[in-house]
């Protein structure tokens, strides 16, 4: 019997709504055999998740999702099977978390100028972990009736050209891959079809990623369509990259993305989990 993998998920340590332990317990109930906990720019939930994974009899892959600035784009790089105590990784993530704090405050200030009061305080109340992210602002704005759902909030307030947008100044691609490598992990480009890139630009990113030591591409993602699975599988094969699969689960509030319901990798893919 083949194992069921989900190598991309978030807890309250970043912008998920379940604690690390609750997330692992839900994964076990959902039939996941191997779960990757990949909170944004943070690894502090891994210890709790490991305890519950041991109790529930599933395997935990310690990870993180690192924010990267590349050629004017913000892209996300998963570090899978990392050592969460690796000094260089921790130092790099700490730097990114400091920037995230400033960015959250700036989002609040910009929304205030547009007549939306208390957004930063509201986002902080919804963020039970150390990180205050755009999704916390989105949830607050939905609660306040500014939009019907979080997707609408992003379109109206939080993407480029909108009132609450703040341009990211994240890690370089080279630094992110160095942190992951020195932590003994394996670097994977997260949800590559989600970036608003031309095919040529995406392949440029993948080529640079591979040249810097990147190992994998998230072929199956909760934010990819079926056609995109096969497109990303072709990119992975073309560049000799391993294929990963992850729901990018943030919580039950997003019913279109569920744990344990990912399809199999397309034919011809070499699974990333064979190389942990």
Protein backbone atom coordinates (compact mmCIF):
# COMPACT_ATOMS: atom_id res chain seq x y z
CA UNK A 1 0.00 0.00 0.00
CA UNK A 2 1.40 3.41 -0.98
CA UNK A 3 1.76 6.10 1.63
CA UNK A 4 -0.18 9.36 1.51
CA UNK A 5 2.07 12.45 1.56
CA UNK A 6 1.24 16.11 2.21
CA UNK A 7 4.43 18.16 2.41
CA UNK A 8 3.06 21.71 2.68
CA UNK A 9 0.93 22.90 5.60
CA UNK A 10 0.65 25.79 8.05
CA UNK A 11 -0.21 26.13 11.72
CA UNK A 12 -0.89 29.04 14.08
CA UNK A 13 2.87 29.55 14.25
CA UNK A 14 2.44 31.41 10.96
CA UNK A 15 -0.93 32.01 9.28
CA UNK A 16 -2.80 28.74 9.82
CA UNK A 17 -5.72 28.46 12.24
CA UNK A 18 -4.84 25.14 13.91
CA UNK A 19 -2.04 24.71 16.41
CA UNK A 20 0.81 22.42 15.31
CA UNK A 21 -0.64 19.62 17.41
CA UNK A 22 -4.17 20.12 16.12
CA UNK A 23 -2.88 20.16 12.55
CA UNK A 24 -1.03 16.86 12.99
CA UNK A 25 -4.06 15.27 14.66
CA UNK A 26 -6.29 16.36 11.76
CA UNK A 27 -3.75 15.00 9.26
CA UNK A 28 -3.84 11.63 11.02
CA UNK A 29 -7.66 11.57 10.95
CA UNK A 30 -7.55 12.52 7.26
CA UNK A 31 -5.39 9.54 6.36
CA UNK A 32 -2.10 11.40 5.84
CA UNK A 33 0.89 9.16 6.52
CA UNK A 34 3.64 11.78 6.10
CA UNK A 35 3.01 15.47 6.87
CA UNK A 36 5.32 18.40 6.19
CA UNK A 37 4.90 21.31 8.59
CA UNK A 38 6.13 24.34 6.64
CA UNK A 39 5.20 27.51 8.48
CA UNK A 40 6.22 30.77 6.84
CA UNK A 41 9.75 31.80 7.86
CA UNK A 42 9.48 29.87 11.12
CA UNK A 43 10.27 26.45 12.59
CA UNK A 44 9.14 26.93 16.17
CA UNK A 45 6.08 24.67 15.84
CA UNK A 46 8.03 21.57 14.93
CA UNK A 47 8.71 20.38 18.49
CA UNK A 48 5.00 20.30 19.38
CA UNK A 49 4.11 18.72 16.05
CA UNK A 50 6.68 15.96 16.56
CA UNK A 51 5.20 14.98 19.90
CA UNK A 52 1.69 14.62 18.49
CA UNK A 53 2.97 12.87 15.34
CA UNK A 54 4.55 10.24 17.58
CA UNK A 55 1.29 9.82 19.47
CA UNK A 56 -0.78 9.55 16.30
CA UNK A 57 1.60 7.26 14.44
CA UNK A 58 2.35 9.45 11.44
CA UNK A 59 5.69 10.74 10.18
CA UNK A 60 6.49 14.44 10.42
CA UNK A 61 8.79 16.16 7.93
CA UNK A 62 10.17 19.30 9.61
CA UNK A 63 10.16 22.23 7.25
CA UNK A 64 9.60 25.90 6.58
CA UNK A 65 8.42 28.10 3.71
CA UNK A 66 10.97 30.85 3.07
CA UNK A 67 9.94 34.13 1.46
CA UNK A 68 12.28 35.13 -1.37
CA UNK A 69 12.60 38.22 -3.55
CA UNK A 70 13.57 37.33 -7.12
CA UNK A 71 13.60 39.72 -10.09
CA UNK A 72 10.76 41.81 -8.70
CA UNK A 73 8.66 38.79 -7.67
CA UNK A 74 7.99 37.29 -4.27
CA UNK A 75 8.38 33.52 -4.47
CA UNK A 76 8.28 30.87 -1.76
CA UNK A 77 10.88 28.16 -1.26
CA UNK A 78 10.09 25.14 0.89
CA UNK A 79 12.87 23.74 3.01
CA UNK A 80 11.91 20.10 3.64
CA UNK A 81 13.46 17.76 6.19
CA UNK A 82 15.53 20.54 7.75
CA UNK A 83 17.20 20.56 11.13
CA UNK A 84 15.07 23.12 13.01
CA UNK A 85 17.99 23.97 15.27
CA UNK A 86 20.50 24.74 12.49
CA UNK A 87 22.10 28.10 13.44
CA UNK A 88 22.28 29.63 9.94
CA UNK A 89 18.66 28.74 9.18
CA UNK A 90 17.47 30.17 12.49
CA UNK A 91 19.43 33.40 11.98
CA UNK A 92 18.00 33.86 8.49
CA UNK A 93 14.43 33.17 9.58
CA UNK A 94 14.81 35.56 12.52
CA UNK A 95 15.79 38.32 10.12
CA UNK A 96 12.73 37.63 7.94
CA UNK A 97 10.42 37.63 10.97
CA UNK A 98 11.72 41.06 11.98
CA UNK A 99 10.86 42.35 8.52
CA UNK A 100 7.43 40.70 8.72
CA UNK A 101 6.71 42.65 11.91
CA UNK A 102 7.54 45.94 10.22
CA UNK A 103 5.50 44.99 7.14
CA UNK A 104 2.43 44.18 9.23
CA UNK A 105 2.65 47.54 10.96
CA UNK A 106 2.99 49.26 7.57
CA UNK A 107 -0.03 47.41 6.15
CA UNK A 108 -2.01 48.66 9.13
CA UNK A 109 -0.85 52.22 8.55
CA UNK A 110 -1.76 52.11 4.85
CA UNK A 111 -5.21 50.68 5.53
CA UNK A 112 -5.73 53.34 8.21
CA UNK A 113 -5.11 56.03 5.57
CA UNK A 114 -7.89 54.47 3.49
CA UNK A 115 -10.36 54.72 6.37
CA UNK A 116 -10.03 51.19 7.77
CA UNK A 117 -9.29 51.64 11.46
CA UNK A 118 -7.84 49.03 13.79
CA UNK A 119 -6.66 46.64 11.09
CA UNK A 120 -3.23 46.04 12.63
CA UNK A 121 -4.66 45.46 16.12
CA UNK A 122 -7.32 43.19 14.67
CA UNK A 123 -4.79 41.17 12.72
CA UNK A 124 -2.64 40.80 15.85
CA UNK A 125 -5.62 39.43 17.78
CA UNK A 126 -6.16 36.79 15.11
CA UNK A 127 -2.47 35.84 15.04
CA UNK A 128 -1.87 33.49 17.93
CA UNK A 129 1.74 32.90 16.84
CA UNK A 130 4.65 35.28 16.47
CA UNK A 131 3.93 36.05 12.83
CA UNK A 132 1.33 38.56 11.65
CA UNK A 133 0.71 38.02 7.95
CA UNK A 134 -1.56 39.24 5.20
CA UNK A 135 -3.97 36.37 5.81
CA UNK A 136 -4.59 37.68 9.33
CA UNK A 137 -5.47 41.08 7.86
CA UNK A 138 -7.72 39.36 5.33
CA UNK A 139 -9.59 37.47 8.06
CA UNK A 140 -10.04 40.68 10.04
CA UNK A 141 -11.39 42.57 7.02
CA UNK A 142 -13.86 39.76 6.31
CA UNK A 143 -15.04 39.92 9.94
CA UNK A 144 -15.52 43.67 9.58
CA UNK A 145 -17.62 43.23 6.44
CA UNK A 146 -15.17 44.76 3.95
CA UNK A 147 -15.32 41.69 1.69
CA UNK A 148 -17.20 38.38 1.55
CA UNK A 149 -14.13 36.14 1.85
CA UNK A 150 -10.35 36.26 2.14
CA UNK A 151 -9.79 35.83 -1.59
CA UNK A 152 -11.86 38.96 -2.23
CA UNK A 153 -9.89 40.86 0.42
CA UNK A 154 -6.62 40.10 -1.34
CA UNK A 155 -7.99 41.25 -4.69
CA UNK A 156 -9.42 44.46 -3.21
CA UNK A 157 -6.82 45.47 -0.63
CA UNK A 158 -3.63 43.40 -0.41
CA UNK A 159 -2.19 42.77 -3.86
CA UNK A 160 0.02 45.07 -5.93
CA UNK A 161 -1.65 48.39 -6.67
CA UNK A 162 -4.18 48.07 -3.83
CA UNK A 163 -4.34 50.16 -0.61
CA UNK A 164 -2.77 47.64 1.78
CA UNK A 165 -0.02 46.34 -0.47
CA UNK A 166 3.56 46.57 0.77
CA UNK A 167 6.32 45.43 -1.54
CA UNK A 168 8.26 42.55 -0.01
CA UNK A 169 11.97 42.73 0.73
CA UNK A 170 12.76 39.13 1.45
CA UNK A 171 15.72 36.75 1.34
CA UNK A 172 17.70 36.29 -1.86
CA UNK A 173 17.27 32.98 -3.65
CA UNK A 174 20.92 32.19 -3.03
CA UNK A 175 20.64 32.85 0.72
CA UNK A 176 17.45 30.82 1.12
CA UNK A 177 18.96 27.80 -0.59
CA UNK A 178 22.14 28.13 1.45
CA UNK A 179 20.16 28.15 4.72
CA UNK A 180 18.23 25.05 3.68
CA UNK A 181 21.33 23.18 2.51
CA UNK A 182 23.24 23.97 5.71
CA UNK A 183 20.25 22.75 7.70
CA UNK A 184 20.49 19.40 5.90
CA UNK A 185 17.24 20.01 4.02
CA UNK A 186 15.99 19.79 0.50
CA UNK A 187 14.80 22.96 -1.31
CA UNK A 188 11.57 22.95 -3.32
CA UNK A 189 9.84 25.78 -5.21
CA UNK A 190 6.37 26.10 -3.67
CA UNK A 191 3.20 26.32 -5.84
CA UNK A 192 5.08 27.48 -8.98
CA UNK A 193 1.92 27.90 -11.07
CA UNK A 194 0.61 30.53 -8.66
CA UNK A 195 3.14 33.19 -9.58
CA UNK A 196 2.05 35.63 -12.28
CA UNK A 197 4.95 34.75 -14.55
CA UNK A 198 5.23 34.00 -18.22
CA UNK A 199 6.39 30.52 -19.12
CA UNK A 200 9.81 31.92 -20.01
CA UNK A 201 10.15 33.80 -16.73
CA UNK A 202 9.12 30.75 -14.70
CA UNK A 203 11.67 28.60 -16.50
CA UNK A 204 14.29 31.26 -15.82
CA UNK A 205 13.45 31.03 -12.11
CA UNK A 206 13.59 27.24 -12.19
CA UNK A 207 16.92 27.31 -14.03
CA UNK A 208 18.52 29.68 -11.52
CA UNK A 209 17.06 27.66 -8.64
CA UNK A 210 18.56 24.46 -10.04
CA UNK A 211 21.93 26.12 -10.66
CA UNK A 212 22.06 27.24 -7.01
CA UNK A 213 21.44 23.72 -5.74
CA UNK A 214 17.62 23.62 -5.62
CA UNK A 215 16.28 20.08 -5.73
CA UNK A 216 12.51 20.02 -6.25
CA UNK A 217 9.33 21.54 -7.66
CA UNK A 218 5.91 21.39 -6.00
CA UNK A 219 4.08 19.72 -8.88
CA UNK A 220 0.84 18.88 -7.07
CA UNK A 221 -0.45 21.78 -4.99
CA UNK A 222 -3.76 22.76 -3.44
CA UNK A 223 -3.61 25.92 -5.55
CA UNK A 224 -2.85 24.15 -8.86
CA UNK A 225 -5.41 22.96 -11.39
CA UNK A 226 -5.25 19.48 -12.89
CA UNK A 227 -3.72 20.85 -16.09
CA UNK A 228 -1.10 22.68 -14.04
CA UNK A 229 -0.05 19.40 -12.38
CA UNK A 230 1.03 18.10 -15.78
CA UNK A 231 2.62 21.39 -16.85
CA UNK A 232 4.69 21.54 -13.67
CA UNK A 233 5.57 17.86 -14.01
CA UNK A 234 7.03 18.62 -17.44
CA UNK A 235 9.09 21.49 -16.00
CA UNK A 236 10.38 19.17 -13.27
CA UNK A 237 11.39 16.54 -15.81
CA UNK A 238 12.98 19.11 -18.13
CA UNK A 239 15.19 20.46 -15.36
CA UNK A 240 15.88 17.15 -13.63
CA UNK A 241 14.05 18.21 -10.46
CA UNK A 242 12.25 16.05 -7.93
CA UNK A 243 8.47 16.38 -7.67
CA UNK A 244 6.69 17.30 -4.44
CA UNK A 245 3.04 17.36 -3.39
CA UNK A 246 1.43 19.60 -0.77
CA UNK A 247 -2.00 20.99 -0.03
CA UNK A 248 -0.77 24.34 1.38
CA UNK A 249 -3.39 23.75 4.07
CA UNK A 250 -4.14 26.72 6.36
CA UNK A 251 -7.25 25.55 8.20
CA UNK A 252 -10.87 24.41 7.84
CA UNK A 253 -11.95 27.93 6.88
CA UNK A 254 -10.66 27.15 3.36
CA UNK A 255 -12.82 24.15 2.36
CA UNK A 256 -11.41 24.05 -1.18
CA UNK A 257 -8.07 22.83 0.23
CA UNK A 258 -8.11 19.73 2.44
CA UNK A 259 -5.53 17.48 3.99
CA UNK A 260 -5.26 13.97 2.63
CA UNK A 261 -7.00 14.63 -0.68
CA UNK A 262 -4.10 15.23 -3.07
CA UNK A 263 -3.97 13.24 -6.30
CA UNK A 264 -0.99 11.11 -7.24
CA UNK A 265 1.98 12.71 -8.95
CA UNK A 266 1.77 12.61 -12.77
CA UNK A 267 3.63 9.75 -14.51
CA UNK A 268 7.35 10.16 -14.94
CA UNK A 269 7.91 12.21 -11.77
CA UNK A 270 10.59 11.28 -9.26
CA UNK A 271 9.06 11.86 -5.80
CA UNK A 272 10.96 14.16 -3.48
CA UNK A 273 10.25 11.89 -0.51
CA UNK A 274 12.44 9.17 -1.99
CA UNK A 275 15.43 11.42 -1.25
CA UNK A 276 14.90 12.37 2.39
